PDB file of N, CA and C in Angstrom:
ATOM      1  N   MET A   1      60.373 -64.077 -36.791  1.00  0.00           N
ATOM      2  CA  MET A   1      59.985 -64.862 -35.660  1.00  0.00           C
ATOM      3  C   MET A   1      61.535 -64.825 -34.747  1.00  0.00           C
ATOM      4  N   LYS A   2      62.471 -64.693 -35.017  1.00  0.00           N
ATOM      5  CA  LYS A   2      63.656 -64.917 -34.392  1.00  0.00           C
ATOM      6  C   LYS A   2      63.856 -64.036 -33.255  1.00  0.00           C
ATOM      7  N   TYR A   3      63.655 -62.484 -34.140  1.00  0.00           N
ATOM      8  CA  TYR A   3      63.289 -61.327 -33.158  1.00  0.00           C
ATOM      9  C   TYR A   3      62.610 -61.665 -32.188  1.00  0.00           C
ATOM     10  N   LEU A   4      61.369 -62.340 -32.277  1.00  0.00           N
ATOM     11  CA  LEU A   4      60.553 -62.562 -31.106  1.00  0.00           C
ATOM     12  C   LEU A   4      60.724 -63.461 -30.081  1.00  0.00           C
ATOM     13  N   LEU A   5      61.193 -64.412 -30.465  1.00  0.00           N
ATOM     14  CA  LEU A   5      61.762 -65.355 -29.513  1.00  0.00           C
ATOM     15  C   LEU A   5      63.020 -64.708 -28.634  1.00  0.00           C
ATOM     16  N   LEU A   6      63.871 -63.932 -29.320  1.00  0.00           N
ATOM     17  CA  LEU A   6      65.205 -63.470 -28.420  1.00  0.00           C
ATOM     18  C   LEU A   6      64.187 -62.161 -27.466  1.00  0.00           C
ATOM     19  N   LEU A   7      62.956 -61.385 -28.180  1.00  0.00           N
ATOM     20  CA  LEU A   7      62.702 -60.666 -27.076  1.00  0.00           C
ATOM     21  C   LEU A   7      62.137 -60.996 -25.718  1.00  0.00           C
ATOM     22  N   LEU A   8      61.505 -62.245 -26.369  1.00  0.00           N
ATOM     23  CA  LEU A   8      60.749 -63.295 -24.956  1.00  0.00           C
ATOM     24  C   LEU A   8      61.765 -63.576 -24.321  1.00  0.00           C
ATOM     25  N   SER A   9      63.068 -64.217 -24.751  1.00  0.00           N
ATOM     26  CA  SER A   9      63.899 -64.633 -23.428  1.00  0.00           C
ATOM     27  C   SER A   9      64.497 -63.674 -23.066  1.00  0.00           C
ATOM     28  N   ILE A  10      64.687 -62.567 -23.460  1.00  0.00           N
ATOM     29  CA  ILE A  10      65.175 -61.284 -23.051  1.00  0.00           C
ATOM     30  C   ILE A  10      64.088 -60.899 -21.492  1.00  0.00           C
ATOM     31  N   SER A  11      63.169 -60.724 -21.784  1.00  0.00           N
ATOM     32  CA  SER A  11      61.989 -60.527 -20.845  1.00  0.00           C
ATOM     33  C   SER A  11      61.792 -61.384 -19.384  1.00  0.00           C
ATOM     34  N   ILE A  12      61.858 -62.582 -20.295  1.00  0.00           N
ATOM     35  CA  ILE A  12      62.237 -63.682 -19.088  1.00  0.00           C
ATOM     36  C   ILE A  12      63.527 -63.779 -18.152  1.00  0.00           C
ATOM     37  N   GLN A  13      64.430 -63.429 -18.936  1.00  0.00           N
ATOM     38  CA  GLN A  13      65.484 -63.516 -17.969  1.00  0.00           C
ATOM     39  C   GLN A  13      65.656 -62.285 -16.818  1.00  0.00           C
ATOM     40  N   TYR A  14      65.184 -61.048 -17.443  1.00  0.00           N
ATOM     41  CA  TYR A  14      64.880 -59.727 -16.805  1.00  0.00           C
ATOM     42  C   TYR A  14      63.545 -60.067 -16.013  1.00  0.00           C
ATOM     43  N   LEU A  15      62.910 -60.522 -15.915  1.00  0.00           N
ATOM     44  CA  LEU A  15      61.942 -61.439 -14.702  1.00  0.00           C
ATOM     45  C   LEU A  15      62.286 -62.095 -13.845  1.00  0.00           C
ATOM     46  N   MET A  16      63.507 -63.126 -14.394  1.00  0.00           N
ATOM     47  CA  MET A  16      63.932 -64.118 -13.194  1.00  0.00           C
ATOM     48  C   MET A  16      64.906 -63.065 -12.489  1.00  0.00           C
ATOM     49  N   ALA A  17      65.591 -62.102 -12.979  1.00  0.00           N
ATOM     50  CA  ALA A  17      66.463 -61.436 -12.486  1.00  0.00           C
ATOM     51  C   ALA A  17      65.859 -60.699 -11.170  1.00  0.00           C
ATOM     52  N   GLN A  18      64.577 -60.117 -11.413  1.00  0.00           N
ATOM     53  CA  GLN A  18      63.988 -59.202 -10.880  1.00  0.00           C
ATOM     54  C   GLN A  18      63.566 -60.126  -9.463  1.00  0.00           C
ATOM     55  N   ASP A  19      62.944 -61.423  -9.487  1.00  0.00           N
ATOM     56  CA  ASP A  19      62.803 -62.170  -8.812  1.00  0.00           C
ATOM     57  C   ASP A  19      63.743 -62.840  -7.913  1.00  0.00           C
ATOM     58  N   ALA A  20      64.758 -62.874  -8.238  1.00  0.00           N
ATOM     59  CA  ALA A  20      65.994 -63.787  -7.558  1.00  0.00           C
ATOM     60  C   ALA A  20      66.348 -62.096  -6.567  1.00  0.00           C
ATOM     61  N   THR A  21      66.585 -61.284  -7.210  1.00  0.00           N
ATOM     62  CA  THR A  21      67.007 -59.929  -6.621  1.00  0.00           C
ATOM     63  C   THR A  21      65.800 -59.825  -5.304  1.00  0.00           C
ATOM     64  N   VAL A  22      64.438 -59.679  -5.463  1.00  0.00           N
ATOM     65  CA  VAL A  22      63.438 -59.585  -4.164  1.00  0.00           C
ATOM     66  C   VAL A  22      64.146 -60.794  -3.347  1.00  0.00           C
ATOM     67  N   TYR A  23      64.066 -62.046  -3.701  1.00  0.00           N
ATOM     68  CA  TYR A  23      64.402 -62.843  -2.433  1.00  0.00           C
ATOM     69  C   TYR A  23      65.640 -62.932  -2.045  1.00  0.00           C
ATOM     70  N   GLU A  24      66.527 -62.145  -2.806  1.00  0.00           N
ATOM     71  CA  GLU A  24      68.192 -62.094  -2.250  1.00  0.00           C
ATOM     72  C   GLU A  24      67.641 -61.175  -0.820  1.00  0.00           C
ATOM     73  N   ASN A  25      67.182 -60.080  -1.182  1.00  0.00           N
ATOM     74  CA  ASN A  25      66.765 -58.672  -0.336  1.00  0.00           C
ATOM     75  C   ASN A  25      65.998 -59.490   0.836  1.00  0.00           C
ATOM     76  N   THR A  26      65.189 -60.006   0.526  1.00  0.00           N
ATOM     77  CA  THR A  26      64.205 -60.478   1.772  1.00  0.00           C
ATOM     78  C   THR A  26      65.098 -61.426   2.776  1.00  0.00           C
ATOM     79  N   THR A  27      65.611 -62.367   1.981  1.00  0.00           N
ATOM     80  CA  THR A  27      66.386 -63.276   3.059  1.00  0.00           C
ATOM     81  C   THR A  27      67.323 -62.803   3.667  1.00  0.00           C
ATOM     82  N   LYS A  28      68.396 -61.694   3.043  1.00  0.00           N
ATOM     83  CA  LYS A  28      69.034 -60.850   3.855  1.00  0.00           C
ATOM     84  C   LYS A  28      68.538 -60.086   5.070  1.00  0.00           C
ATOM     85  N   THR A  29      67.402 -59.475   4.891  1.00  0.00           N
ATOM     86  CA  THR A  29      66.774 -59.141   5.961  1.00  0.00           C
ATOM     87  C   THR A  29      66.414 -59.841   6.979  1.00  0.00           C
ATOM     88  N   PHE A  30      65.485 -60.844   6.479  1.00  0.00           N
ATOM     89  CA  PHE A  30      65.121 -61.600   7.328  1.00  0.00           C
ATOM     90  C   PHE A  30      66.549 -62.393   8.471  1.00  0.00           C
ATOM     91  N   GLN A  31      67.386 -62.695   7.810  1.00  0.00           N
ATOM     92  CA  GLN A  31      68.396 -63.270   8.621  1.00  0.00           C
ATOM     93  C   GLN A  31      68.850 -61.785   9.456  1.00  0.00           C
ATOM     94  N   GLU A  32      69.160 -60.766   8.950  1.00  0.00           N
ATOM     95  CA  GLU A  32      69.773 -59.618  10.133  1.00  0.00           C
ATOM     96  C   GLU A  32      68.518 -59.679  11.308  1.00  0.00           C
ATOM     97  N   HIS A  33      67.432 -59.628  10.940  1.00  0.00           N
ATOM     98  CA  HIS A  33      66.466 -59.286  11.962  1.00  0.00           C
ATOM     99  C   HIS A  33      66.012 -60.748  12.903  1.00  0.00           C
ATOM    100  N   PHE A  34      66.332 -61.807  12.266  1.00  0.00           N
ATOM    101  CA  PHE A  34      66.448 -62.838  13.011  1.00  0.00           C
ATOM    102  C   PHE A  34      67.614 -63.210  14.329  1.00  0.00           C
ATOM    103  N   ASN A  35      68.826 -62.772  13.480  1.00  0.00           N
ATOM    104  CA  ASN A  35      69.864 -62.790  14.491  1.00  0.00           C
ATOM    105  C   ASN A  35      69.898 -61.295  15.681  1.00  0.00           C
ATOM    106  N   SER A  36      69.265 -60.859  15.416  1.00  0.00           N
ATOM    107  CA  SER A  36      69.013 -59.279  16.419  1.00  0.00           C
ATOM    108  C   SER A  36      67.810 -59.515  17.022  1.00  0.00           C
ATOM    109  N   GLN A  37      67.255 -60.540  17.098  1.00  0.00           N
ATOM    110  CA  GLN A  37      65.985 -61.038  17.792  1.00  0.00           C
ATOM    111  C   GLN A  37      64.949 -59.931  17.502  1.00  0.00           C
ATOM    112  N   ASN A  38      64.809 -59.192  16.289  1.00  0.00           N
ATOM    113  CA  ASN A  38      63.662 -58.044  16.010  1.00  0.00           C
ATOM    114  C   ASN A  38      62.570 -58.761  15.528  1.00  0.00           C
ATOM    115  N   ILE A  39      61.667 -59.148  16.675  1.00  0.00           N
ATOM    116  CA  ILE A  39      60.635 -59.800  16.263  1.00  0.00           C
ATOM    117  C   ILE A  39      59.578 -58.760  15.564  1.00  0.00           C
ATOM    118  N   ASP A  40      59.286 -57.555  15.847  1.00  0.00           N
ATOM    119  CA  ASP A  40      58.492 -56.508  15.166  1.00  0.00           C
ATOM    120  C   ASP A  40      59.040 -56.386  13.578  1.00  0.00           C
ATOM    121  N   ALA A  41      60.411 -56.605  13.227  1.00  0.00           N
ATOM    122  CA  ALA A  41      60.953 -56.306  11.874  1.00  0.00           C
ATOM    123  C   ALA A  41      60.848 -57.629  10.979  1.00  0.00           C
ATOM    124  N   VAL A  42      60.690 -58.797  11.701  1.00  0.00           N
ATOM    125  CA  VAL A  42      60.160 -59.898  10.944  1.00  0.00           C
ATOM    126  C   VAL A  42      59.013 -60.148  10.892  1.00  0.00           C
ATOM    127  N   PHE A  43      58.053 -59.809  11.668  1.00  0.00           N
ATOM    128  CA  PHE A  43      56.610 -59.751  11.579  1.00  0.00           C
ATOM    129  C   PHE A  43      56.441 -58.750  10.661  1.00  0.00           C
ATOM    130  N   ASP A  44      56.768 -57.791  10.291  1.00  0.00           N
ATOM    131  CA  ASP A  44      56.620 -56.737   9.260  1.00  0.00           C
ATOM    132  C   ASP A  44      57.043 -57.615   7.950  1.00  0.00           C
ATOM    133  N   LEU A  45      57.882 -58.755   7.778  1.00  0.00           N
ATOM    134  CA  LEU A  45      58.613 -58.945   6.548  1.00  0.00           C
ATOM    135  C   LEU A  45      57.281 -59.778   6.243  1.00  0.00           C
ATOM    136  N   TYR A  46      55.943 -60.305   6.925  1.00  0.00           N
ATOM    137  CA  TYR A  46      55.064 -61.172   6.613  1.00  0.00           C
ATOM    138  C   TYR A  46      54.048 -60.716   5.689  1.00  0.00           C
ATOM    139  N   THR A  47      53.451 -61.252   4.844  1.00  0.00           N
ATOM    140  CA  THR A  47      51.991 -60.810   4.390  1.00  0.00           C
ATOM    141  C   THR A  47      51.069 -60.716   5.545  1.00  0.00           C
ATOM    142  N   SER A  48      49.819 -59.922   4.952  1.00  0.00           N
ATOM    143  CA  SER A  48      48.915 -59.687   6.099  1.00  0.00           C
ATOM    144  C   SER A  48      48.369 -61.054   6.365  1.00  0.00           C
ATOM    145  N   ASP A  49      48.045 -62.258   5.568  1.00  0.00           N
ATOM    146  CA  ASP A  49      47.552 -63.251   5.850  1.00  0.00           C
ATOM    147  C   ASP A  49      48.245 -64.045   6.701  1.00  0.00           C
ATOM    148  N   LEU A  50      49.501 -63.963   6.243  1.00  0.00           N
ATOM    149  CA  LEU A  50      50.904 -65.022   7.377  1.00  0.00           C
ATOM    150  C   LEU A  50      50.572 -64.206   8.861  1.00  0.00           C
ATOM    151  N   GLN A  51      50.317 -63.366   8.988  1.00  0.00           N
ATOM    152  CA  GLN A  51      50.137 -62.364   9.925  1.00  0.00           C
ATOM    153  C   GLN A  51      49.177 -62.498  10.807  1.00  0.00           C
ATOM    154  N   GLU A  52      47.960 -62.590  10.033  1.00  0.00           N
ATOM    155  CA  GLU A  52      47.041 -63.096  10.931  1.00  0.00           C
ATOM    156  C   GLU A  52      47.030 -64.486  11.367  1.00  0.00           C
ATOM    157  N   GLU A  53      47.308 -65.266  10.477  1.00  0.00           N
ATOM    158  CA  GLU A  53      47.701 -66.871  10.330  1.00  0.00           C
ATOM    159  C   GLU A  53      48.374 -67.265  11.732  1.00  0.00           C
ATOM    160  N   MET A  54      49.836 -66.306  11.378  1.00  0.00           N
ATOM    161  CA  MET A  54      50.823 -66.793  12.997  1.00  0.00           C
ATOM    162  C   MET A  54      50.725 -65.847  14.100  1.00  0.00           C
ATOM    163  N   THR A  55      49.893 -64.683  14.131  1.00  0.00           N
ATOM    164  CA  THR A  55      49.658 -63.766  14.975  1.00  0.00           C
ATOM    165  C   THR A  55      51.334 -63.235  15.429  1.00  0.00           C
ATOM    166  N   LYS A  56      51.402 -62.251  16.316  1.00  0.00           N
ATOM    167  CA  LYS A  56      53.008 -61.703  16.540  1.00  0.00           C
ATOM    168  C   LYS A  56      53.509 -62.515  17.979  1.00  0.00           C
ATOM    169  N   GLU A  57      52.474 -62.975  18.625  1.00  0.00           N
ATOM    170  CA  GLU A  57      52.786 -63.993  19.603  1.00  0.00           C
ATOM    171  C   GLU A  57      53.644 -65.264  19.150  1.00  0.00           C
ATOM    172  N   GLY A  58      52.591 -65.837  17.983  1.00  0.00           N
ATOM    173  CA  GLY A  58      53.406 -66.833  17.361  1.00  0.00           C
ATOM    174  C   GLY A  58      54.884 -67.064  16.617  1.00  0.00           C
ATOM    175  N   VAL A  59      54.622 -65.757  16.079  1.00  0.00           N
ATOM    176  CA  VAL A  59      56.108 -65.169  15.369  1.00  0.00           C
ATOM    177  C   VAL A  59      57.024 -65.114  16.614  1.00  0.00           C
ATOM    178  N   THR A  60      56.894 -64.709  18.175  1.00  0.00           N
ATOM    179  CA  THR A  60      57.503 -64.322  18.834  1.00  0.00           C
ATOM    180  C   THR A  60      58.245 -65.924  18.989  1.00  0.00           C
ATOM    181  N   ARG A  61      57.291 -66.608  19.323  1.00  0.00           N
ATOM    182  CA  ARG A  61      57.621 -67.989  20.133  1.00  0.00           C
ATOM    183  C   ARG A  61      58.328 -68.731  18.677  1.00  0.00           C
ATOM    184  N   PHE A  62      58.288 -68.512  17.230  1.00  0.00           N
ATOM    185  CA  PHE A  62      59.251 -68.994  16.265  1.00  0.00           C
ATOM    186  C   PHE A  62      60.160 -68.741  16.519  1.00  0.00           C
ATOM    187  N   ILE A  63      60.245 -67.459  16.399  1.00  0.00           N
ATOM    188  CA  ILE A  63      62.142 -66.601  16.328  1.00  0.00           C
ATOM    189  C   ILE A  63      62.455 -67.233  17.185  1.00  0.00           C
ATOM    190  N   LYS A  64      62.067 -66.522  18.738  1.00  0.00           N
ATOM    191  CA  LYS A  64      63.034 -67.271  20.140  1.00  0.00           C
ATOM    192  C   LYS A  64      63.339 -68.786  19.993  1.00  0.00           C
ATOM    193  N   GLY A  65      62.270 -69.775  19.737  1.00  0.00           N
ATOM    194  CA  GLY A  65      62.482 -70.571  19.726  1.00  0.00           C
ATOM    195  C   GLY A  65      63.466 -71.309  18.860  1.00  0.00           C
ATOM    196  N   CYS A  66      63.532 -70.722  17.521  1.00  0.00           N
ATOM    197  CA  CYS A  66      64.560 -71.424  16.664  1.00  0.00           C
ATOM    198  C   CYS A  66      66.064 -70.780  17.101  1.00  0.00           C
ATOM    199  N   HIS A  67      65.878 -69.445  17.455  1.00  0.00           N
ATOM    200  CA  HIS A  67      67.136 -68.515  17.971  1.00  0.00           C
ATOM    201  C   HIS A  67      67.855 -69.691  19.293  1.00  0.00           C
ATOM    202  N   SER A  68      66.828 -69.717  19.960  1.00  0.00           N
ATOM    203  CA  SER A  68      67.658 -70.255  21.248  1.00  0.00           C
ATOM    204  C   SER A  68      67.980 -71.948  20.859  1.00  0.00           C
ATOM    205  N   GLN A  69      67.367 -72.420  20.181  1.00  0.00           N
ATOM    206  CA  GLN A  69      67.971 -73.925  19.793  1.00  0.00           C
ATOM    207  C   GLN A  69      68.863 -74.103  18.871  1.00  0.00           C
ATOM    208  N   PHE A  70      68.795 -73.216  17.606  1.00  0.00           N
ATOM    209  CA  PHE A  70      69.808 -73.228  16.298  1.00  0.00           C
ATOM    210  C   PHE A  70      70.912 -72.204  16.899  1.00  0.00           C
ATOM    211  N   GLY A  71      70.651 -71.182  17.013  1.00  0.00           N
ATOM    212  CA  GLY A  71      71.802 -70.004  17.327  1.00  0.00           C
ATOM    213  C   GLY A  71      71.366 -69.161  16.186  1.00  0.00           C
ATOM    214  N   ASN A  72      72.749 -68.342  15.767  1.00  0.00           N
ATOM    215  CA  ASN A  72      72.469 -67.184  15.019  1.00  0.00           C
ATOM    216  C   ASN A  72      72.258 -68.073  13.492  1.00  0.00           C
ATOM    217  N   LEU A  73      71.932 -67.433  12.559  1.00  0.00           N
ATOM    218  CA  LEU A  73      71.478 -67.878  10.997  1.00  0.00           C
ATOM    219  C   LEU A  73      72.864 -66.915  10.410  1.00  0.00           C
ATOM    220  N   LYS A  74      73.508 -67.983  10.181  1.00  0.00           N
ATOM    221  CA  LYS A  74      75.061 -67.308   9.576  1.00  0.00           C
ATOM    222  C   LYS A  74      75.316 -67.255   8.379  1.00  0.00           C
ATOM    223  N   LYS A  75      74.238 -68.291   7.340  1.00  0.00           N
ATOM    224  CA  LYS A  75      74.361 -67.987   6.210  1.00  0.00           C
ATOM    225  C   LYS A  75      73.582 -68.837   5.313  1.00  0.00           C
ATOM    226  N   LEU A  76      72.677 -68.423   4.007  1.00  0.00           N
ATOM    227  CA  LEU A  76      71.716 -69.039   3.400  1.00  0.00           C
ATOM    228  C   LEU A  76      72.477 -69.270   1.838  1.00  0.00           C
ATOM    229  N   THR A  77      71.967 -70.863   1.569  1.00  0.00           N
ATOM    230  CA  THR A  77      72.668 -70.948   0.175  1.00  0.00           C
ATOM    231  C   THR A  77      71.456 -71.429  -0.676  1.00  0.00           C
ATOM    232  N   PHE A  78      71.162 -70.811  -1.873  1.00  0.00           N
ATOM    233  CA  PHE A  78      70.300 -71.100  -2.299  1.00  0.00           C
ATOM    234  C   PHE A  78      70.124 -72.780  -3.093  1.00  0.00           C
ATOM    235  N   ILE A  79      69.455 -73.227  -3.169  1.00  0.00           N
ATOM    236  CA  ILE A  79      69.397 -74.455  -3.476  1.00  0.00           C
ATOM    237  C   ILE A  79      68.494 -74.721  -4.509  1.00  0.00           C
ATOM    238  N   GLU A  80      67.063 -74.302  -4.732  1.00  0.00           N
ATOM    239  CA  GLU A  80      66.401 -74.606  -5.602  1.00  0.00           C
ATOM    240  C   GLU A  80      65.258 -73.721  -5.623  1.00  0.00           C
ATOM    241  N   SER A  81      64.645 -73.704  -7.053  1.00  0.00           N
ATOM    242  CA  SER A  81      63.468 -73.008  -7.031  1.00  0.00           C
ATOM    243  C   SER A  81      62.258 -74.012  -7.497  1.00  0.00           C
ATOM    244  N   ALA A  82      61.281 -74.825  -6.874  1.00  0.00           N
ATOM    245  CA  ALA A  82      59.985 -75.819  -7.640  1.00  0.00           C
ATOM    246  C   ALA A  82      58.682 -75.272  -6.694  1.00  0.00           C
ATOM    247  N   GLU A  83      57.803 -75.068  -7.746  1.00  0.00           N
ATOM    248  CA  GLU A  83      56.696 -74.990  -7.476  1.00  0.00           C
ATOM    249  C   GLU A  83      56.133 -73.489  -6.744  1.00  0.00           C
ATOM    250  N   GLY A  84      57.141 -72.420  -6.817  1.00  0.00           N
ATOM    251  CA  GLY A  84      57.157 -71.284  -6.174  1.00  0.00           C
ATOM    252  C   GLY A  84      57.715 -71.051  -5.109  1.00  0.00           C
ATOM    253  N   ILE A  85      58.199 -72.128  -4.458  1.00  0.00           N
ATOM    254  CA  ILE A  85      59.094 -72.106  -3.334  1.00  0.00           C
ATOM    255  C   ILE A  85      60.452 -72.303  -3.690  1.00  0.00           C
ATOM    256  N   ASN A  86      61.306 -71.243  -2.580  1.00  0.00           N
ATOM    257  CA  ASN A  86      62.743 -71.480  -3.138  1.00  0.00           C
ATOM    258  C   ASN A  86      63.148 -72.028  -1.967  1.00  0.00           C
ATOM    259  N   SER A  87      64.037 -73.083  -1.798  1.00  0.00           N
ATOM    260  CA  SER A  87      64.550 -73.828  -0.744  1.00  0.00           C
ATOM    261  C   SER A  87      66.242 -73.207  -0.480  1.00  0.00           C
ATOM    262  N   TYR A  88      66.642 -72.955   0.628  1.00  0.00           N
ATOM    263  CA  TYR A  88      67.759 -72.909   0.473  1.00  0.00           C
ATOM    264  C   TYR A  88      68.298 -73.627   2.109  1.00  0.00           C
ATOM    265  N   THR A  89      69.961 -74.203   1.753  1.00  0.00           N
ATOM    266  CA  THR A  89      70.709 -74.394   2.776  1.00  0.00           C
ATOM    267  C   THR A  89      70.592 -73.066   4.096  1.00  0.00           C
ATOM    268  N   ALA A  90      70.150 -73.515   5.224  1.00  0.00           N
ATOM    269  CA  ALA A  90      69.999 -72.323   6.150  1.00  0.00           C
ATOM    270  C   ALA A  90      70.965 -72.984   7.272  1.00  0.00           C
ATOM    271  N   GLU A  91      72.516 -72.267   7.336  1.00  0.00           N
ATOM    272  CA  GLU A  91      73.330 -72.703   8.240  1.00  0.00           C
ATOM    273  C   GLU A  91      73.635 -71.976   9.432  1.00  0.00           C
ATOM    274  N   PHE A  92      73.176 -72.311  10.782  1.00  0.00           N
ATOM    275  CA  PHE A  92      72.804 -71.921  12.074  1.00  0.00           C
ATOM    276  C   PHE A  92      74.157 -72.286  12.497  1.00  0.00           C
ATOM    277  N   ASP A  93      74.285 -71.799  13.823  1.00  0.00           N
ATOM    278  CA  ASP A  93      75.678 -71.602  14.860  1.00  0.00           C
ATOM    279  C   ASP A  93      75.741 -73.287  14.631  1.00  0.00           C
ATOM    280  N   ASN A  94      74.402 -73.981  15.141  1.00  0.00           N
ATOM    281  CA  ASN A  94      74.412 -75.364  16.004  1.00  0.00           C
ATOM    282  C   ASN A  94      73.567 -76.327  15.021  1.00  0.00           C
ATOM    283  N   ILE A  95      73.533 -75.614  13.896  1.00  0.00           N
ATOM    284  CA  ILE A  95      72.900 -76.924  12.824  1.00  0.00           C
ATOM    285  C   ILE A  95      72.662 -76.411  11.645  1.00  0.00           C
ATOM    286  N   SER A  96      72.787 -77.115  10.662  1.00  0.00           N
ATOM    287  CA  SER A  96      71.980 -77.048   9.012  1.00  0.00           C
ATOM    288  C   SER A  96      70.870 -77.407   9.050  1.00  0.00           C
ATOM    289  N   LEU A  97      69.791 -76.531   8.705  1.00  0.00           N
ATOM    290  CA  LEU A  97      68.468 -77.168   7.834  1.00  0.00           C
ATOM    291  C   LEU A  97      68.237 -76.430   6.462  1.00  0.00           C
ATOM    292  N   VAL A  98      67.215 -76.752   6.012  1.00  0.00           N
ATOM    293  CA  VAL A  98      66.554 -76.516   4.858  1.00  0.00           C
ATOM    294  C   VAL A  98      65.575 -75.232   4.978  1.00  0.00           C
ATOM    295  N   MET A  99      65.621 -74.575   4.373  1.00  0.00           N
ATOM    296  CA  MET A  99      64.515 -73.250   4.659  1.00  0.00           C
ATOM    297  C   MET A  99      64.057 -73.292   3.339  1.00  0.00           C
ATOM    298  N   GLU A 100      62.309 -73.510   3.376  1.00  0.00           N
ATOM    299  CA  GLU A 100      61.523 -72.886   2.279  1.00  0.00           C
ATOM    300  C   GLU A 100      60.900 -71.485   2.705  1.00  0.00           C
ATOM    301  N   LEU A 101      61.040 -71.031   1.470  1.00  0.00           N
ATOM    302  CA  LEU A 101      60.340 -69.744   1.670  1.00  0.00           C
ATOM    303  C   LEU A 101      59.679 -69.306   0.057  1.00  0.00           C
ATOM    304  N   LYS A 102      58.439 -68.900   0.366  1.00  0.00           N
ATOM    305  CA  LYS A 102      57.813 -68.356  -1.010  1.00  0.00           C
ATOM    306  C   LYS A 102      57.358 -66.686  -0.643  1.00  0.00           C
ATOM    307  N   LEU A 103      57.647 -66.190  -1.386  1.00  0.00           N
ATOM    308  CA  LEU A 103      57.046 -64.609  -1.248  1.00  0.00           C
ATOM    309  C   LEU A 103      56.140 -64.346  -1.971  1.00  0.00           C
ATOM    310  N   SER A 104      55.316 -63.246  -1.545  1.00  0.00           N
ATOM    311  CA  SER A 104      54.300 -62.825  -2.517  1.00  0.00           C
ATOM    312  C   SER A 104      54.498 -61.947  -3.781  1.00  0.00           C
ATOM    313  N   THR A 105      53.740 -61.201  -4.587  1.00  0.00           N
ATOM    314  CA  THR A 105      54.267 -60.277  -5.564  1.00  0.00           C
ATOM    315  C   THR A 105      54.993 -59.074  -5.043  1.00  0.00           C
ATOM    316  N   ASP A 106      54.588 -58.712  -3.826  1.00  0.00           N
ATOM    317  CA  ASP A 106      55.013 -57.237  -3.093  1.00  0.00           C
ATOM    318  C   ASP A 106      56.546 -57.915  -2.537  1.00  0.00           C
ATOM    319  N   GLY A 107      56.712 -58.974  -2.432  1.00  0.00           N
ATOM    320  CA  GLY A 107      58.274 -59.295  -1.658  1.00  0.00           C
ATOM    321  C   GLY A 107      57.973 -59.717  -0.273  1.00  0.00           C
ATOM    322  N   LYS A 108      56.627 -59.976  -0.128  1.00  0.00           N
ATOM    323  CA  LYS A 108      56.533 -60.344   1.736  1.00  0.00           C
ATOM    324  C   LYS A 108      56.393 -61.676   1.558  1.00  0.00           C
ATOM    325  N   ILE A 109      56.655 -62.240   3.161  1.00  0.00           N
ATOM    326  CA  ILE A 109      57.007 -64.091   3.115  1.00  0.00           C
ATOM    327  C   ILE A 109      55.713 -64.232   3.247  1.00  0.00           C
ATOM    328  N   ASP A 110      55.195 -65.097   2.499  1.00  0.00           N
ATOM    329  CA  ASP A 110      54.079 -65.958   2.289  1.00  0.00           C
ATOM    330  C   ASP A 110      53.946 -67.328   3.157  1.00  0.00           C
ATOM    331  N   THR A 111      54.970 -67.905   2.925  1.00  0.00           N
ATOM    332  CA  THR A 111      55.353 -69.214   3.880  1.00  0.00           C
ATOM    333  C   THR A 111      56.899 -69.158   4.072  1.00  0.00           C
ATOM    334  N   ILE A 112      57.176 -69.771   4.800  1.00  0.00           N
ATOM    335  CA  ILE A 112      58.637 -69.779   5.723  1.00  0.00           C
ATOM    336  C   ILE A 112      58.653 -70.836   6.814  1.00  0.00           C
ATOM    337  N   GLN A 113      59.401 -72.308   6.605  1.00  0.00           N
ATOM    338  CA  GLN A 113      59.390 -72.946   7.388  1.00  0.00           C
ATOM    339  C   GLN A 113      60.888 -73.820   7.099  1.00  0.00           C
ATOM    340  N   PHE A 114      61.335 -74.191   8.767  1.00  0.00           N
ATOM    341  CA  PHE A 114      62.790 -74.985   8.379  1.00  0.00           C
ATOM    342  C   PHE A 114      62.331 -76.328   8.791  1.00  0.00           C
ATOM    343  N   GLN A 115      63.276 -77.267   8.182  1.00  0.00           N
ATOM    344  CA  GLN A 115      63.218 -78.658   8.346  1.00  0.00           C
ATOM    345  C   GLN A 115      64.627 -79.175   8.370  1.00  0.00           C
ATOM    346  N   GLU A 116      64.787 -80.327   8.583  1.00  0.00           N
ATOM    347  CA  GLU A 116      65.742 -81.333   8.274  1.00  0.00           C
ATOM    348  C   GLU A 116      65.867 -81.586   6.908  1.00  0.00           C
ATOM    349  N   PRO A 117      67.428 -81.509   6.406  1.00  0.00           N
ATOM    350  CA  PRO A 117      67.631 -81.801   4.979  1.00  0.00           C
ATOM    351  C   PRO A 117      67.470 -83.495   4.788  1.00  0.00           C
TER     352      PRO A 117
END
């Protein structure tokens, strides 16, 4: 029984580490594309469902509007994970906001929003 619990514990830690790596890679890529205003690359990070919902024009307005109002995204700091959504402190040139992010199983952005803390 001890060995089963140990194996289960190791498996869970491995999956959590994989998940954290996927989120880390996606947030880093999003930050780079956001700051360079590479709308096509940001759009490509979204799931197909979110692409249909937001449309490329909507993503363009979202990214350009946020960038002009907030400035560059300087730093993302993990806060917590709750109900499948990771929260980060998003430090921009002009403001700090909370970014909520949910990824699909293949690492694409399923939900993203910024709000005041």
